[in-house]
Amino acid sequence: MAPALTALGSHHPQLAVTCLVTGQAHLRELTIGTVDVVLGQSCRAPPAAAPRGIEVSPL
């Protein structure tokens, strides 16, 4: 994650990039526009259906 954020900041200096590490998914914040990107980790069953307008892609 750190190398990707460093490269993003180098190529797009006008962006304000913040990385928060938490134990909770932030799909609600993504839905209301508080954040632009969420990287999540799931060790259990596949996630429930994403909210309308949210795209979930496995990495």
Protein backbone atom coordinates (compact mmCIF):
# COMPACT_ATOMS: atom_id res chain seq x y z
CA MET A 1 0.00 0.00 0.00
CA ALA A 2 2.75 2.48 0.93
CA PRO A 3 4.54 2.33 -2.46
CA ALA A 4 1.24 2.81 -4.30
CA LEU A 5 0.34 5.87 -2.19
CA THR A 6 3.81 7.34 -2.66
CA ALA A 7 3.60 6.92 -6.44
CA LEU A 8 0.08 8.37 -6.51
CA GLY A 9 1.22 11.43 -4.56
CA SER A 10 4.23 11.88 -6.86
CA HIS A 11 2.17 11.72 -10.04
CA HIS A 12 -0.76 13.76 -8.69
CA PRO A 13 0.57 16.27 -6.11
CA GLN A 14 -2.79 18.08 -5.95
CA LEU A 15 -4.40 15.04 -4.28
CA ALA A 16 -4.73 14.80 -0.52
CA VAL A 17 -4.04 11.14 0.23
CA THR A 18 -4.77 9.72 3.66
CA CYS A 19 -4.46 6.08 4.67
CA LEU A 20 -6.44 4.86 7.66
CA VAL A 21 -6.06 1.34 9.00
CA THR A 22 -9.13 0.22 10.91
CA GLY A 23 -10.95 -2.96 11.77
CA GLN A 24 -14.19 -1.76 10.16
CA ALA A 25 -15.36 -1.56 6.57
CA HIS A 26 -16.21 1.94 5.40
CA LEU A 27 -18.75 1.32 2.65
CA ARG A 28 -21.09 3.84 4.27
CA GLU A 29 -18.47 6.61 4.03
CA LEU A 30 -17.79 5.60 0.43
CA THR A 31 -21.52 5.74 -0.34
CA ILE A 32 -21.97 9.24 1.12
CA GLY A 33 -18.75 10.55 -0.45
CA THR A 34 -16.64 11.08 2.67
CA VAL A 35 -13.93 8.86 1.15
CA ASP A 36 -13.17 8.00 -2.48
CA VAL A 37 -11.57 4.56 -2.17
CA VAL A 38 -11.81 1.72 0.35
CA LEU A 39 -9.42 -1.24 0.38
CA GLY A 40 -10.84 -4.02 2.47
CA GLN A 41 -9.86 -7.49 3.55
CA SER A 42 -12.24 -10.36 4.13
CA CYS A 43 -11.21 -13.69 5.62
CA ARG A 44 -14.74 -15.07 5.68
CA ALA A 45 -17.46 -15.57 3.12
CA PRO A 46 -17.72 -13.15 0.19
CA PRO A 47 -19.10 -9.72 1.16
CA ALA A 48 -22.79 -8.99 0.96
CA ALA A 49 -24.05 -7.14 -2.08
CA ALA A 50 -22.41 -3.73 -2.43
CA PRO A 51 -24.60 -0.62 -2.12
CA ARG A 52 -25.95 0.84 -5.37
CA GLY A 53 -23.23 2.75 -7.22
CA ILE A 54 -20.35 0.96 -5.44
CA GLU A 55 -18.09 -1.40 -7.37
CA VAL A 56 -16.35 -4.20 -5.49
CA SER A 57 -13.31 -5.80 -7.18
CA PRO A 58 -11.17 -8.58 -5.74
CA LEU A 59 -7.45 -7.77 -5.69
